[in-house]
Amino acid sequence: MTTFISTAVEKQQKTLKILASVFLLLAYIIGLGALIGTIYLIATPRGIGGWILPVFTFLSGFIVFLFLFAFSKIIAILIEISSK
């Protein structure tokens, strides 16, 4: 019985490791995209009030990056705790 439980737990941990890696990859892609988009929007002239769109782009990308990055780290920590 314990062998079945341990193999089931190992399969779940492997799945969660893959999920954490996917979240981390998405976090880096979104963060890089937000950074590139912000630099592009700052470089193009917009006139008066042209700072609003780059700031909104950076802040929204940064918030999504932090959420995904933290979520992937939480999953990784939970995997480490459960494997002990």
Protein backbone atom coordinates (compact mmCIF):
# COMPACT_ATOMS: atom_id res chain seq x y z
CA MET A 1 0.00 0.00 0.00
CA THR A 2 2.78 2.44 0.84
CA THR A 3 4.50 1.70 -2.46
CA PHE A 4 1.37 2.68 -4.36
CA ILE A 5 1.00 5.86 -2.31
CA SER A 6 4.65 6.82 -2.75
CA THR A 7 4.54 6.28 -6.51
CA ALA A 8 1.34 8.33 -6.72
CA VAL A 9 2.96 11.11 -4.72
CA GLU A 10 6.06 11.00 -6.91
CA LYS A 11 3.92 11.30 -10.05
CA GLN A 12 2.10 14.27 -8.55
CA GLN A 13 5.37 15.89 -7.56
CA LYS A 14 6.71 15.44 -11.09
CA THR A 15 3.55 17.01 -12.50
CA LEU A 16 3.82 19.91 -10.07
CA LYS A 17 7.49 20.44 -10.97
CA ILE A 18 6.50 20.71 -14.62
CA LEU A 19 3.70 23.12 -13.71
CA ALA A 20 6.10 25.26 -11.66
CA SER A 21 8.53 25.33 -14.58
CA VAL A 22 5.78 26.41 -16.97
CA PHE A 23 4.71 29.21 -14.61
CA LEU A 24 8.31 30.36 -14.26
CA LEU A 25 8.80 30.36 -18.03
CA LEU A 26 5.58 32.32 -18.53
CA ALA A 27 6.67 34.78 -15.85
CA TYR A 28 9.97 35.43 -17.59
CA ILE A 29 8.33 35.75 -21.02
CA ILE A 30 5.69 38.18 -19.74
CA GLY A 31 8.29 40.17 -17.79
CA LEU A 32 10.55 40.44 -20.81
CA GLY A 33 7.60 41.37 -23.04
CA ALA A 34 6.50 44.07 -20.62
CA LEU A 35 10.01 45.45 -20.44
CA ILE A 36 10.43 45.51 -24.23
CA GLY A 37 6.97 47.01 -24.67
CA THR A 38 7.69 49.70 -22.11
CA ILE A 39 11.00 50.63 -23.73
CA TYR A 40 9.29 50.80 -27.13
CA LEU A 41 6.49 52.99 -25.78
CA ILE A 42 8.97 55.31 -24.07
CA ALA A 43 11.04 55.61 -27.26
CA THR A 44 8.11 56.60 -29.48
CA PRO A 45 6.89 60.21 -29.12
CA ARG A 46 3.33 60.49 -27.81
CA GLY A 47 2.94 64.15 -26.82
CA ILE A 48 1.46 65.44 -23.57
CA GLY A 49 0.40 62.60 -21.30
CA GLY A 50 2.49 60.10 -23.20
CA TRP A 51 3.88 58.61 -20.01
CA ILE A 52 0.57 56.97 -18.99
CA LEU A 53 0.66 54.07 -21.45
CA PRO A 54 4.27 53.01 -20.72
CA VAL A 55 3.65 53.19 -16.97
CA PHE A 56 0.47 51.14 -17.27
CA THR A 57 2.24 48.59 -19.47
CA PHE A 58 5.16 48.26 -17.09
CA LEU A 59 3.04 48.02 -13.95
CA SER A 60 0.61 45.47 -15.36
CA GLY A 61 3.44 43.33 -16.72
CA PHE A 62 5.34 43.60 -13.45
CA ILE A 63 2.32 42.57 -11.39
CA VAL A 64 1.64 39.55 -13.60
CA PHE A 65 5.34 38.64 -13.50
CA LEU A 66 5.42 38.80 -9.71
CA PHE A 67 2.25 36.71 -9.39
CA LEU A 68 3.50 33.95 -11.69
CA PHE A 69 7.01 34.00 -10.23
CA ALA A 70 5.72 33.78 -6.67
CA PHE A 71 3.25 31.05 -7.60
CA SER A 72 6.00 28.94 -9.17
CA LYS A 73 8.23 29.43 -6.13
CA ILE A 74 5.40 28.47 -3.76
CA ILE A 75 4.81 25.27 -5.73
CA ALA A 76 8.54 24.48 -5.66
CA ILE A 77 8.69 25.03 -1.90
CA LEU A 78 5.65 22.83 -1.33
CA ILE A 79 7.25 20.07 -3.40
CA GLU A 80 10.42 20.30 -1.30
CA ILE A 81 8.43 20.16 1.94
CA SER A 82 6.34 17.20 0.82
CA SER A 83 9.37 15.22 -0.32
CA LYS A 84 10.88 15.24 3.20
